[in-house]
Protein backbone atom coordinates (compact mmCIF):
# COMPACT_ATOMS: atom_id res chain seq x y z
CA MET A 1 -36.78 9.39 -58.77
CA PHE A 2 -35.98 5.71 -59.31
CA LEU A 3 -39.56 4.47 -58.95
CA PHE A 4 -41.56 7.67 -59.34
CA PRO A 5 -42.42 9.27 -62.70
CA THR A 6 -41.21 12.75 -63.55
CA PRO A 7 -44.05 15.14 -62.65
CA PRO A 8 -45.15 17.39 -65.52
CA PRO A 9 -44.70 21.16 -65.18
CA TYR A 10 -48.43 21.66 -64.57
CA ASP A 11 -51.06 20.55 -62.10
CA ALA A 12 -52.24 17.28 -63.63
CA LEU A 13 -55.69 17.31 -61.99
CA GLU A 14 -56.34 20.84 -63.22
CA TRP A 15 -54.97 19.86 -66.64
CA ALA A 16 -57.64 17.16 -66.93
CA LYS A 17 -60.39 19.79 -66.63
CA LYS A 18 -59.11 21.97 -69.45
CA SER A 19 -60.16 21.99 -73.10
CA PHE A 20 -58.46 19.81 -75.69
CA ASN A 21 -56.54 22.83 -77.02
CA GLN A 22 -55.13 23.71 -73.61
CA ARG A 23 -54.33 20.13 -72.68
CA ALA A 24 -52.58 19.54 -75.99
CA LYS A 25 -50.23 22.51 -75.65
CA LEU A 26 -49.23 21.82 -72.07
CA ALA A 27 -48.66 18.10 -72.64
CA CYS A 28 -46.65 18.55 -75.85
CA GLN A 29 -44.40 21.21 -74.39
CA ALA A 30 -43.77 18.92 -71.44
CA TRP A 31 -43.00 15.93 -73.67
CA ALA A 32 -40.39 17.92 -75.60
CA VAL A 33 -38.15 18.17 -72.52
CA GLN A 34 -39.39 15.30 -70.34
CA GLY A 35 -40.55 12.60 -72.74
CA TYR A 36 -43.02 10.16 -71.23
CA GLY A 37 -41.50 10.74 -67.80
CA SER A 38 -41.14 7.09 -66.88
CA PRO A 39 -39.12 6.36 -63.73
CA ILE A 40 -35.62 4.97 -64.19
CA GLY A 41 -36.78 1.72 -62.60
CA ALA A 42 -39.00 1.08 -65.63
CA TYR A 43 -35.94 0.78 -67.85
CA ILE A 44 -34.38 -1.75 -65.47
CA VAL A 45 -37.41 -3.97 -66.12
CA TYR A 46 -36.59 -4.06 -69.83
CA ALA A 47 -32.92 -4.78 -69.21
CA LEU A 48 -33.87 -7.74 -67.01
CA LYS A 49 -36.33 -8.94 -69.61
CA LEU A 50 -33.63 -8.86 -72.30
CA PHE A 51 -31.32 -10.83 -70.01
CA PHE A 52 -34.04 -13.48 -69.52
CA TYR A 53 -34.70 -13.63 -73.28
CA ILE A 54 -31.02 -14.33 -74.04
CA TRP A 55 -30.61 -16.75 -71.13
CA ALA A 56 -33.71 -18.75 -72.15
CA TRP A 57 -32.45 -18.98 -75.72
CA GLY A 58 -29.22 -20.48 -74.40
CA PHE A 59 -31.23 -22.85 -72.22
CA PHE A 60 -33.17 -24.19 -75.20
CA CYS A 61 -29.98 -24.43 -77.24
CA SER A 62 -28.47 -26.59 -74.48
CA PHE A 63 -30.77 -29.43 -75.56
CA THR A 64 -28.52 -29.66 -78.62
CA PRO A 65 -25.13 -31.17 -77.70
CA GLY A 66 -22.36 -28.56 -77.81
CA LEU A 67 -24.69 -25.53 -77.69
CA GLY A 68 -25.73 -23.27 -74.86
CA VAL A 69 -22.37 -23.32 -73.05
CA TRP A 70 -21.87 -19.83 -71.61
CA ASP A 71 -18.07 -19.93 -71.27
CA SER A 72 -17.97 -19.24 -75.02
CA ILE A 73 -20.29 -17.77 -77.64
CA SER A 74 -18.82 -19.72 -80.54
CA TRP A 75 -21.97 -21.86 -80.58
CA TRP A 76 -23.98 -18.78 -81.59
CA TRP A 77 -22.79 -19.36 -85.15
CA ASN A 78 -24.24 -22.88 -85.29
CA PRO A 79 -27.26 -23.03 -87.67
CA ILE A 80 -29.36 -24.79 -85.02
CA ALA A 81 -28.71 -21.94 -82.60
CA PHE A 82 -30.05 -19.47 -85.17
CA GLN A 83 -33.12 -21.60 -85.84
CA LYS A 84 -33.86 -21.82 -82.14
CA ALA A 85 -33.38 -18.05 -81.80
CA ILE A 86 -36.11 -17.50 -84.38
CA VAL A 87 -38.49 -20.06 -82.85
CA TRP A 88 -37.87 -18.76 -79.32
CA SER A 89 -38.43 -15.18 -80.50
CA LEU A 90 -41.80 -16.15 -81.97
CA CYS A 91 -42.68 -17.93 -78.72
CA PHE A 92 -41.52 -14.97 -76.62
CA GLU A 93 -43.63 -12.55 -78.65
CA VAL A 94 -46.79 -14.66 -78.86
CA LEU A 95 -46.67 -15.09 -75.08
CA GLY A 96 -46.85 -11.30 -74.85
CA LEU A 97 -43.40 -10.92 -73.29
CA GLY A 98 -41.79 -8.92 -76.09
CA CYS A 99 -43.02 -5.88 -78.03
CA GLY A 100 -45.83 -3.95 -76.39
CA SER A 101 -45.16 -5.17 -72.85
CA GLY A 102 -44.22 -3.34 -69.69
CA PRO A 103 -44.69 0.19 -68.33
CA LEU A 104 -43.54 2.08 -71.43
CA THR A 105 -46.55 0.67 -73.30
CA GLY A 106 -49.15 1.41 -70.65
CA ARG A 107 -48.94 -1.96 -68.87
CA TYR A 108 -48.29 -1.69 -65.16
CA PHE A 109 -50.23 -4.41 -63.36
CA PRO A 110 -50.01 -6.93 -64.84
CA PRO A 111 -47.06 -5.81 -67.01
CA ILE A 112 -48.07 -8.10 -69.87
CA GLY A 113 -51.20 -9.10 -71.77
CA GLY A 114 -50.51 -11.85 -74.28
CA PHE A 115 -51.12 -15.30 -72.86
CA LEU A 116 -53.14 -13.85 -69.96
CA TYR A 117 -55.75 -12.96 -72.60
CA PHE A 118 -55.10 -15.62 -75.23
CA LEU A 119 -55.71 -18.40 -72.68
CA TYR A 120 -58.80 -16.77 -71.17
CA PRO A 121 -62.18 -17.75 -72.71
CA GLY A 122 -64.54 -14.82 -73.13
CA THR A 123 -61.91 -12.16 -73.83
CA THR A 124 -62.37 -9.99 -76.90
CA LYS A 125 -60.77 -10.97 -80.20
CA LEU A 126 -60.73 -9.70 -83.78
CA PRO A 127 -61.63 -12.50 -86.21
CA LEU A 128 -60.59 -12.19 -89.82
CA PHE A 129 -64.13 -13.03 -90.94
CA GLU A 130 -66.25 -11.09 -88.47
CA GLY A 131 -69.64 -12.68 -87.87
CA ALA A 132 -68.91 -15.93 -89.70
CA PRO A 133 -70.22 -19.11 -88.02
CA ILE A 134 -67.81 -20.68 -85.53
CA ILE A 135 -64.74 -18.69 -86.62
CA GLY A 136 -66.20 -15.16 -86.52
CA ASN A 137 -67.22 -14.73 -82.88
CA ARG A 138 -66.36 -11.55 -81.03
CA THR A 139 -65.05 -13.35 -77.97
CA ARG A 140 -62.57 -16.14 -77.44
CA GLY A 141 -63.83 -19.71 -76.98
CA ILE A 142 -62.50 -23.21 -76.49
CA LEU A 143 -61.38 -23.42 -80.15
CA GLU A 144 -59.15 -20.35 -79.90
CA VAL A 145 -57.75 -21.30 -76.51
CA GLY A 146 -57.14 -24.90 -77.61
CA LEU A 147 -55.27 -23.88 -80.75
CA TYR A 148 -53.18 -21.39 -78.78
CA ILE A 149 -52.23 -24.09 -76.28
CA ALA A 150 -51.34 -26.36 -79.19
CA LEU A 151 -49.12 -23.65 -80.68
CA LEU A 152 -47.28 -23.21 -77.39
CA GLY A 153 -46.87 -26.95 -77.07
CA PHE A 154 -45.37 -27.37 -80.53
CA LEU A 155 -43.11 -24.36 -79.98
CA TYR A 156 -41.81 -26.01 -76.82
CA LEU A 157 -41.25 -29.34 -78.57
CA CYS A 158 -39.33 -27.57 -81.31
CA LEU A 159 -37.18 -25.66 -78.83
CA VAL A 160 -36.15 -28.72 -76.81
CA HIS A 161 -35.50 -30.90 -79.88
CA PRO A 162 -31.77 -31.50 -80.43
CA ASN A 163 -32.03 -30.92 -84.17
CA PRO A 164 -35.42 -29.49 -85.20
CA GLY A 165 -36.52 -30.08 -88.78
CA SER A 166 -39.63 -30.02 -90.93
CA ASN A 167 -41.57 -32.27 -88.55
CA GLU A 168 -41.09 -29.76 -85.76
CA PHE A 169 -41.59 -26.63 -87.88
CA LEU A 170 -44.68 -27.74 -89.80
CA PRO A 171 -47.21 -27.67 -86.91
CA ILE A 172 -46.11 -24.11 -86.06
CA ILE A 173 -46.42 -23.08 -89.71
CA ILE A 174 -49.98 -24.43 -89.89
CA ILE A 175 -51.39 -23.47 -86.49
CA LEU A 176 -50.31 -19.81 -86.39
CA PRO A 177 -52.24 -18.75 -89.55
CA LEU A 178 -55.26 -20.69 -88.30
CA LEU A 179 -55.08 -18.68 -85.10
CA GLY A 180 -54.78 -15.56 -87.26
CA VAL A 181 -58.09 -16.38 -88.94
CA LEU A 182 -59.70 -16.72 -85.52
CA ASP A 183 -57.96 -13.65 -84.07
CA LYS A 184 -55.76 -11.28 -86.05
CA THR A 185 -54.22 -10.06 -82.80
CA VAL A 186 -52.44 -13.35 -82.07
CA PHE A 187 -50.98 -13.59 -85.58
CA LEU A 188 -49.59 -10.06 -85.43
CA ALA A 189 -48.37 -10.46 -81.85
CA ALA A 190 -46.20 -13.38 -83.02
CA ARG A 191 -44.38 -10.95 -85.36
CA ALA A 192 -45.32 -13.34 -88.13
CA GLU A 193 -43.97 -11.07 -90.87
CA HIS A 194 -40.49 -11.96 -89.62
CA TYR A 195 -40.47 -15.12 -87.50
CA TRP A 196 -43.23 -17.16 -89.11
CA VAL A 197 -41.97 -16.37 -92.61
CA THR A 198 -38.45 -17.42 -91.60
CA ILE A 199 -39.73 -20.68 -90.09
CA VAL A 200 -41.50 -21.43 -93.38
CA VAL A 201 -38.11 -20.98 -95.04
CA PHE A 202 -36.52 -23.34 -92.49
CA ALA A 203 -39.03 -26.05 -93.35
CA PHE A 204 -39.15 -25.89 -97.14
CA ALA A 205 -36.08 -24.17 -98.59
CA GLY A 206 -33.24 -26.24 -99.95
CA ASN A 207 -30.86 -23.60 -98.56
CA TRP A 208 -32.71 -21.94 -95.72
CA ILE A 209 -29.80 -19.58 -94.87
CA ALA A 210 -30.19 -17.95 -98.29
CA GLY A 211 -33.91 -17.55 -97.64
CA ALA A 212 -33.37 -16.08 -94.18
CA MET A 213 -30.93 -13.62 -95.75
CA ALA A 214 -33.61 -12.50 -98.20
CA VAL A 215 -36.14 -11.98 -95.41
CA GLN A 216 -33.63 -9.96 -93.41
CA ILE A 217 -32.73 -7.80 -96.42
CA ALA A 218 -36.43 -7.02 -96.90
CA LEU A 219 -36.90 -6.06 -93.24
CA TRP A 220 -34.11 -3.50 -93.34
CA PHE A 221 -34.82 -2.17 -96.80
CA PHE A 222 -38.55 -1.58 -96.44
CA ALA A 223 -38.15 -0.20 -92.93
CA GLY A 224 -35.90 2.45 -94.48
CA PHE A 225 -38.01 2.85 -97.62
CA SER A 226 -41.13 3.58 -95.56
CA LYS A 227 -39.33 6.48 -93.87
CA LEU A 228 -38.99 8.39 -97.13
CA ASN A 229 -41.78 10.69 -96.04
CA HIS A 230 -42.50 13.91 -94.15
CA HIS A 231 -43.39 12.00 -90.97
CA PHE A 232 -40.08 10.50 -89.91
CA PRO A 233 -38.33 13.69 -88.64
CA TYR A 234 -41.16 14.05 -86.13
CA VAL A 235 -40.49 10.50 -84.94
CA VAL A 236 -36.84 11.44 -84.37
CA CYS A 237 -37.95 14.38 -82.22
CA VAL A 238 -40.36 12.31 -80.16
CA MET A 239 -37.81 9.54 -79.57
CA ALA A 240 -34.96 11.92 -78.71
CA SER A 241 -37.14 13.66 -76.12
CA ASN A 242 -38.04 10.33 -74.53
CA SER A 243 -34.66 8.57 -74.55
CA PRO A 244 -33.16 7.95 -71.07
CA PHE A 245 -29.75 8.43 -72.70
CA THR A 246 -30.49 12.05 -73.69
CA PRO A 247 -31.15 13.59 -70.27
CA PHE A 248 -29.90 17.04 -71.18
CA GLY A 249 -32.60 19.62 -71.78
CA TRP A 250 -30.52 21.60 -74.28
CA TYR A 251 -30.14 18.52 -76.51
CA ARG A 252 -33.84 17.76 -76.49
CA LYS A 253 -34.74 21.37 -77.19
CA ALA A 254 -32.29 21.36 -80.11
CA MET A 255 -34.57 18.85 -81.87
CA TYR A 256 -37.19 21.58 -82.30
CA ARG A 257 -37.21 24.78 -84.33
CA ASN A 258 -37.88 27.07 -81.40
CA TYR A 259 -38.83 25.43 -78.12
CA PRO A 260 -41.39 25.89 -76.56
CA GLU A 261 -43.54 27.68 -79.14
CA ASP A 262 -42.47 25.86 -82.32
CA LEU A 263 -42.14 22.11 -81.89
CA ASN A 264 -41.70 21.23 -85.53
CA PRO A 265 -38.42 19.42 -86.33
CA SER A 266 -35.27 21.50 -86.43
CA SER A 267 -32.62 21.17 -89.12
CA ILE A 268 -30.69 18.92 -86.71
CA ALA A 269 -33.66 16.54 -86.36
CA ILE A 270 -34.16 16.48 -90.12
CA LEU A 271 -30.47 15.69 -90.62
CA LYS A 272 -30.68 12.87 -88.06
CA ALA A 273 -33.73 11.49 -89.86
CA ARG A 274 -31.95 11.46 -93.20
CA MET A 275 -28.89 9.81 -91.69
CA GLY A 276 -31.16 7.17 -90.17
CA ILE A 277 -32.73 6.42 -93.55
CA ILE A 278 -29.29 6.12 -95.14
CA LEU A 279 -28.24 3.68 -92.41
CA GLU A 280 -31.41 1.58 -92.64
CA MET A 281 -31.44 1.32 -96.43
CA GLY A 282 -27.66 1.27 -96.73
CA THR A 283 -27.19 -1.69 -94.38
CA PRO A 284 -28.92 -4.32 -96.56
CA ILE A 285 -27.56 -2.85 -99.79
CA VAL A 286 -23.95 -2.92 -98.57
CA LEU A 287 -24.28 -6.38 -97.01
CA ALA A 288 -25.89 -7.86 -100.11
CA LEU A 289 -23.28 -6.20 -102.34
CA GLY A 290 -20.46 -7.59 -100.23
CA VAL A 291 -21.88 -11.11 -100.45
CA PHE A 292 -22.54 -10.95 -104.18
CA ILE A 293 -19.05 -9.68 -105.06
CA GLY A 294 -17.39 -11.88 -102.44
CA ASN A 295 -15.62 -9.00 -100.68
CA TYR A 296 -15.55 -9.48 -96.91
CA ASP A 297 -14.29 -5.93 -96.31
CA VAL A 298 -17.52 -4.62 -97.80
CA ILE A 299 -19.47 -7.02 -95.57
CA ILE A 300 -17.65 -5.65 -92.53
CA VAL A 301 -18.69 -2.13 -93.54
CA GLY A 302 -22.29 -3.35 -93.76
CA LEU A 303 -22.08 -4.98 -90.33
CA VAL A 304 -20.70 -1.76 -88.84
CA LEU A 305 -23.61 0.16 -90.37
CA MET A 306 -25.98 -2.41 -88.91
CA VAL A 307 -24.54 -2.09 -85.40
CA LEU A 308 -24.72 1.72 -85.57
CA LEU A 309 -28.34 1.54 -86.74
CA HIS A 310 -29.60 -0.78 -84.05
CA THR A 311 -27.50 0.78 -81.31
CA TYR A 312 -29.16 4.10 -82.08
CA ILE A 313 -32.64 2.55 -82.16
CA THR A 314 -32.11 0.69 -78.89
CA SER A 315 -30.56 3.69 -77.13
CA ASN A 316 -33.78 5.64 -77.72
CA VAL A 317 -35.84 2.90 -76.03
CA PRO A 318 -38.77 3.73 -78.34
CA MET A 319 -42.36 3.34 -77.20
CA GLY A 320 -43.33 -0.23 -77.97
CA VAL A 321 -39.86 -1.26 -76.75
CA PRO A 322 -38.82 -3.89 -79.34
CA ILE A 323 -35.52 -4.50 -77.54
CA GLU A 324 -35.43 -8.27 -78.06
CA TRP A 325 -36.27 -7.84 -81.75
CA ASN A 326 -33.33 -5.47 -82.17
CA PHE A 327 -31.02 -7.95 -80.45
CA LEU A 328 -32.24 -10.75 -82.71
CA VAL A 329 -31.79 -8.66 -85.85
CA VAL A 330 -28.19 -7.77 -84.95
CA TYR A 331 -27.45 -11.40 -84.17
CA ALA A 332 -29.07 -12.41 -87.46
CA GLY A 333 -26.90 -9.91 -89.32
CA PHE A 334 -23.69 -11.40 -87.91
CA PHE A 335 -24.85 -14.99 -88.36
CA LEU A 336 -26.28 -14.67 -91.87
CA PHE A 337 -23.90 -12.20 -93.50
CA GLY A 338 -20.82 -12.51 -91.30
CA ALA A 339 -20.57 -16.22 -90.55
CA ASN A 340 -22.24 -17.33 -93.82
CA SER A 341 -20.93 -14.78 -96.31
CA PHE A 342 -20.37 -17.54 -98.87
CA VAL A 343 -24.15 -18.09 -99.19
CA MET A 344 -25.95 -16.15 -101.92
CA PRO A 345 -29.18 -14.45 -100.81
CA PHE A 346 -32.30 -15.72 -102.63
CA ALA A 347 -30.51 -18.91 -103.77
CA VAL A 348 -32.99 -20.98 -101.77
CA GLY A 349 -33.02 -23.99 -104.10
CA SER A 350 -36.82 -24.00 -104.43
CA TYR A 351 -38.92 -21.88 -106.78
CA PRO A 352 -42.08 -22.14 -104.61
CA VAL A 353 -40.16 -20.95 -101.55
CA LEU A 354 -38.57 -18.12 -103.53
CA ALA A 355 -42.01 -17.09 -104.79
CA PHE A 356 -43.31 -17.16 -101.21
CA ILE A 357 -40.45 -14.93 -99.98
CA LEU A 358 -40.89 -12.47 -102.84
CA LEU A 359 -44.64 -12.29 -102.24
CA VAL A 360 -44.65 -11.92 -98.45
CA SER A 361 -41.41 -10.03 -97.89
CA PHE A 362 -41.27 -7.81 -100.99
CA VAL A 363 -44.64 -7.53 -102.74
CA LEU A 364 -46.76 -7.15 -99.61
CA PRO A 365 -44.55 -4.41 -98.11
CA PHE A 366 -44.62 -2.47 -101.36
CA VAL A 367 -48.39 -2.79 -101.66
CA GLY A 368 -48.68 -1.89 -97.98
CA ASN A 369 -47.02 1.45 -98.69
CA ILE A 370 -49.39 2.16 -101.58
CA LYS A 371 -52.52 0.82 -99.89
CA PRO A 372 -51.84 1.04 -96.14
CA GLU A 373 -55.49 0.36 -95.36
CA TRP A 374 -55.17 -3.13 -96.85
CA ILE A 375 -52.11 -4.45 -95.02
CA SER A 376 -50.85 -4.27 -91.45
CA PHE A 377 -47.98 -1.85 -91.00
CA LEU A 378 -46.03 -4.83 -89.61
CA PHE A 379 -46.34 -6.81 -92.83
CA ALA A 380 -45.64 -3.58 -94.72
CA MET A 381 -42.47 -3.30 -92.58
CA ARG A 382 -43.15 0.37 -91.85
CA TYR A 383 -41.51 0.21 -88.44
CA TYR A 384 -41.24 3.58 -86.68
CA ALA A 385 -41.86 5.45 -89.92
CA GLY A 386 -44.32 7.78 -88.20
CA ASN A 387 -46.85 7.13 -90.94
CA TRP A 388 -49.34 4.87 -89.18
CA ALA A 389 -53.02 4.25 -88.81
CA CYS A 390 -54.03 5.52 -85.39
CA GLY A 391 -57.04 6.50 -83.37
CA ALA A 392 -58.44 8.26 -80.32
CA TRP A 393 -61.35 7.05 -78.19
CA LEU A 394 -63.18 9.91 -76.47
CA PHE A 395 -65.24 8.92 -73.39
CA LYS A 396 -67.75 11.36 -71.98
CA GLY A 397 -67.65 11.84 -68.23
CA GLU A 398 -67.40 8.55 -66.40
CA SER A 399 -68.62 6.44 -69.33
CA ALA A 400 -65.28 4.63 -69.61
CA ALA A 401 -66.39 2.66 -66.53
CA LYS A 402 -68.59 0.63 -68.88
CA LEU A 403 -65.42 -1.06 -70.14
CA ASP A 404 -65.53 -3.06 -66.91
CA ARG A 405 -68.27 -5.12 -68.57
CA LEU A 406 -65.61 -6.64 -70.82
CA LYS A 407 -63.81 -9.79 -69.77
CA LYS A 408 -60.13 -8.92 -69.47
CA THR A 409 -57.19 -9.47 -67.15
CA SER A 410 -56.16 -5.82 -66.85
CA ALA A 411 -57.97 -3.01 -65.11
CA GLY A 412 -58.10 0.45 -66.66
CA VAL A 413 -54.72 2.13 -66.88
CA TYR A 414 -55.56 4.65 -64.13
CA ASN A 415 -56.61 1.82 -61.83
CA GLN A 416 -53.36 -0.01 -62.60
CA LEU A 417 -51.30 3.07 -61.78
CA ASP A 418 -53.30 3.80 -58.64
CA ARG A 419 -51.71 0.71 -57.10
CA PHE A 420 -48.38 2.55 -57.12
CA TYR A 421 -49.03 6.30 -57.27
CA PRO A 422 -51.52 8.94 -56.16
CA ARG A 423 -54.05 9.84 -58.83
CA LYS A 424 -52.33 13.16 -59.54
CA ALA A 425 -49.13 11.35 -60.54
CA SER A 426 -51.10 8.86 -62.65
CA VAL A 427 -52.89 11.62 -64.55
CA GLY A 428 -49.61 13.47 -65.04
CA LEU A 429 -47.96 10.42 -66.56
CA LEU A 430 -50.86 9.51 -68.83
CA SER A 431 -51.27 13.10 -70.00
CA LYS A 432 -48.09 12.45 -71.96
CA VAL A 433 -49.80 9.66 -73.94
CA MET A 434 -51.89 12.29 -75.69
CA ALA A 435 -48.72 14.27 -76.32
CA PHE A 436 -47.01 11.25 -77.88
CA ARG A 437 -49.73 11.08 -80.54
CA LEU A 438 -50.05 14.82 -81.16
CA MET A 439 -46.29 15.36 -81.49
CA HIS A 440 -46.19 13.21 -84.64
CA LEU A 441 -47.07 14.82 -87.94
CA HIS A 442 -50.24 12.79 -88.36
CA GLY A 443 -51.20 13.85 -84.84
CA ARG A 444 -51.72 17.39 -86.08
CA ALA A 445 -54.86 16.10 -87.78
CA PHE A 446 -56.58 15.59 -84.43
CA GLN A 447 -56.81 19.31 -83.79
CA GLN A 448 -59.05 19.43 -86.87
CA LEU A 449 -60.90 16.21 -86.05
CA VAL A 450 -61.66 16.53 -82.34
CA PRO A 451 -64.04 19.50 -82.92
CA LYS A 452 -65.80 17.41 -85.57
CA ALA A 453 -66.21 14.58 -83.08
CA VAL A 454 -67.38 16.42 -79.95
CA THR A 455 -68.66 19.89 -79.14
CA ARG A 456 -67.17 20.27 -75.64
CA SER A 457 -63.81 18.54 -75.51
CA GLU A 458 -63.40 19.29 -71.81
CA ASP A 459 -66.29 16.88 -71.13
CA TYR A 460 -64.38 13.98 -72.69
CA GLU A 461 -61.45 11.85 -71.59
CA TRP A 462 -58.95 11.04 -74.35
CA MET A 463 -57.89 7.39 -74.52
CA GLU A 464 -55.20 6.59 -77.06
CA GLY A 465 -56.24 3.77 -79.38
CA GLU A 466 -53.08 1.87 -78.51
CA LEU A 467 -54.04 1.76 -74.85
CA MET A 468 -57.54 0.71 -75.82
CA ALA A 469 -56.23 -2.23 -77.86
CA GLY A 470 -53.89 -3.25 -75.07
CA LEU A 471 -56.66 -3.13 -72.50
CA VAL A 472 -59.32 -4.95 -74.53
CA LEU A 473 -57.31 -7.29 -76.78
CA GLY A 474 -54.25 -7.95 -74.64
CA TRP A 475 -51.69 -6.70 -77.15
CA ASN A 476 -50.71 -3.50 -78.94
CA PHE A 477 -47.69 -2.43 -80.95
CA GLY A 478 -48.58 0.48 -83.17
CA GLU A 479 -51.10 -1.40 -85.34
CA GLY A 480 -53.97 1.06 -85.70
CA HIS A 481 -56.13 -1.49 -87.48
CA LEU A 482 -56.49 -3.34 -84.17
CA HIS A 483 -58.44 -0.46 -82.64
CA ASN A 484 -60.63 0.75 -85.50
CA GLU A 485 -64.28 0.09 -86.39
CA GLN A 486 -64.14 -3.66 -85.80
CA LEU A 487 -63.00 -3.24 -82.21
CA LEU A 488 -65.58 -0.49 -81.70
CA ARG A 489 -68.39 -2.78 -82.90
CA SER A 490 -67.25 -5.49 -80.51
CA VAL A 491 -66.90 -3.11 -77.56
CA GLN A 492 -70.30 -1.56 -78.23
CA ALA A 493 -72.00 -4.96 -78.45
CA GLN A 494 -70.63 -5.83 -75.01
CA CYS A 495 -70.76 -2.44 -73.25
CA GLN A 496 -73.80 -0.67 -74.76
CA PHE A 497 -72.69 2.97 -74.76
CA GLU A 498 -75.41 5.54 -75.19
CA GLU A 499 -75.33 8.16 -77.94
CA GLY A 500 -72.58 10.69 -77.31
CA GLU A 501 -70.87 8.68 -74.56
CA LEU A 502 -68.13 7.36 -76.83
CA ARG A 503 -66.84 9.00 -79.97
CA CYS A 504 -63.94 7.49 -81.91
CA ILE A 505 -61.60 9.12 -84.42
CA PHE A 506 -59.85 6.72 -86.80
CA LEU A 507 -57.06 8.07 -88.99
CA GLU A 508 -55.52 5.98 -91.77
CA ALA A 509 -51.87 6.17 -92.85
CA GLN A 510 -50.75 8.28 -95.79
CA PRO A 511 -50.48 6.21 -99.00
CA LEU A 512 -47.32 6.42 -101.04
CA GLY A 513 -47.78 8.99 -103.81
CA LYS A 514 -50.69 10.82 -102.15
CA HIS A 515 -50.79 13.90 -99.93
CA THR A 516 -53.84 12.92 -97.90
CA GLN A 517 -54.86 10.71 -95.01
CA GLU A 518 -58.39 9.39 -94.68
CA TYR A 519 -60.33 9.71 -91.43
CA ARG A 520 -63.60 8.40 -90.01
CA ILE A 521 -65.42 9.59 -86.89
CA PHE A 522 -67.89 7.23 -85.23
CA ASP A 523 -70.38 7.38 -82.41
CA ALA A 524 -70.40 4.02 -80.65
CA LYS A 525 -74.20 3.74 -80.82
CA THR A 526 -75.31 5.65 -83.92
CA GLY A 527 -72.41 4.91 -86.27
CA LEU A 528 -70.58 7.13 -88.73
CA VAL A 529 -70.55 10.81 -87.82
CA SER A 530 -68.10 12.18 -90.36
CA SER A 531 -65.46 11.04 -92.86
CA GLY A 532 -63.06 12.67 -95.26
CA THR A 533 -59.38 13.41 -95.72
CA VAL A 534 -56.74 15.67 -94.21
CA ASP A 535 -53.93 17.15 -96.28
CA VAL A 536 -50.48 16.30 -94.94
CA ARG A 537 -49.02 19.40 -96.60
CA GLU A 538 -51.29 21.52 -94.40
CA LEU A 539 -50.38 19.56 -91.28
CA LYS A 540 -46.73 20.54 -91.77
CA ASN A 541 -47.72 24.19 -91.19
CA LEU A 542 -49.40 23.44 -87.85
CA GLN A 543 -48.11 23.11 -84.33
CA ALA A 544 -48.82 20.04 -82.23
CA TRP A 545 -51.70 21.96 -80.65
CA PRO A 546 -54.31 24.36 -82.07
CA ILE A 547 -53.17 27.97 -81.96
CA HIS A 548 -56.63 29.50 -82.35
C-alpha cells in the first residue's frame, strides 16, 4: 500500500517472542524478497527532499547576478554555482536534512534529527576528548549550541554573498573542526571529508578547481578500493532486495545461491559487485587520464561511466539514502572534468594545500583501510563497502524505557511508528532492521556473539546500533564508532541500567590484509564481558542465521 509497510510473512508479535536464532531466520528470509518493506510513500518523501535541495541551491545562486535562472541550466557551469553547491550541501547535511534522515533510516516523527538536537542544550554528544574540562562534557551546553548557531550563520552569509571568497569561507573552515572537538557527531554529519575539505581548497588554493578535482578523484577511487573485499557482494544482495525499482521476486531471489535456505551471494550478485568496483575505480582513472592526455573523447567515456555508477547507486535507494550527495557528485563530475577539462588535477598552485589534500584525501583513507579502528569510515571513504564497524544493543525486558531519561527530541522508534501504525505493523517493519545487519557478511558474526552476550536471547530486544545513535545523538549514517563504548558510557551515566539489563556487542571492521574482525561485549553497568576476534573466512561458510 502507498502509506502502509509491506507486512512480513510471519506474525510479528509472535516473532518478537522467539529466540534470536528463530527471529534471525524469519527476518532474513523476508528481507531477501521484501527488503525493508517501506511503503511507496516513503520514497516520495526523498524525491521531494531532493527537489527542495536543488531548488534551494538555485535560490542561493540567485544572489549572484546571472545565476539561478531556471529557464536555462547554463549557469550550473559557473564556478560560483559550484562553490555554492558545496557550501549548501554542507549546510544541508549539518542541519540533518541529508544522509541519515527520513523513514528509511528509522526516523518517522520527527523525520530528522540534526539541528533539532544540535540546538538543544542537554542532549547527548560525543566529545573528542571525553572528560576534559569544558570541552569534554557528555551533554551539549551553551558553548556547543552557540558555535553551531555561528556555523549556520556563516554558512548563510556565504550562500547569499554574490561572490564568496576567503573571508566567507574562513569562518566555516575554523568553526566546523572546533565543533568536531566538542562533538564528533556534528563534524561527521557535515560530511566534512568531502565538503569541508573542498571549502578549504576554495579558500587557499591558487587553482581551487584543480584541488576539487583531486578531492573528487579520491572519493571515487577509495570508495572502489574499499570494496575489494569479501563483504561487498553481500551489500549488492541487500540493496537489490530493498530497491523499489526491483519489485520482481524472481530477480531478488536470483541474487542468492538458493533462496530461501542459502542466502549467500549468487554468481550473479558477485558479478554485479565486480562490475560495480570496476565502475567506481574506473571512473576517476578514465577521467584523470582523459584530462592528462587532453583527449575529450576519453573524458566523455569517464563521464558515461560516472552516470552509470551513480544511476545504479541511486536506483537502489540504499539505507542511509545519500541521494543529494549522489546528485552533487554527478554535478561535480560534469563541472570539474567536463566543463573544466583544461585544468590539471593536483595543480593547485600551493604546496601547503597540495600537502593538505594528499594527507586528508589520500593518506587518511589508505590508513583507514589498514587501521579502521583509528579513522571514521567516512574519512576512509569506505562508502557502502559492507566492511564497517557496527553494533547491537540488547535490552532485557522493558529496560529500554530507561532511555526516556535522556534529553532528546525523538521518542523510541516503536513510539514514533505507533503514531501511524498498529504495534503489529511497527514490529514487523523493525524486525527487518535486524535482518539488514545479519544479511551482511560481518553480520554473520552476531550468531557467534549473541550467545556470548546473553544466555536467553528471547528475553532481550535487539536494537541496531545505528538506531541507537540516531535516537540518542540525533544523527547516524553507518558510522559504528558513534555507537560504541563512548556512547555506552554516556548512556549508562544518564540512565543507570542494572547488571544484565543492557548488553552491547561492538564489532570492528576488517583491516586490510587481515582475515579477522575484533569484537567487544559490554554490560552497561559492570563493563567488559568478553573480547576477541572472528575469522571472516569462517563467516563466509555461514548463513545469515544460526543453523544449529
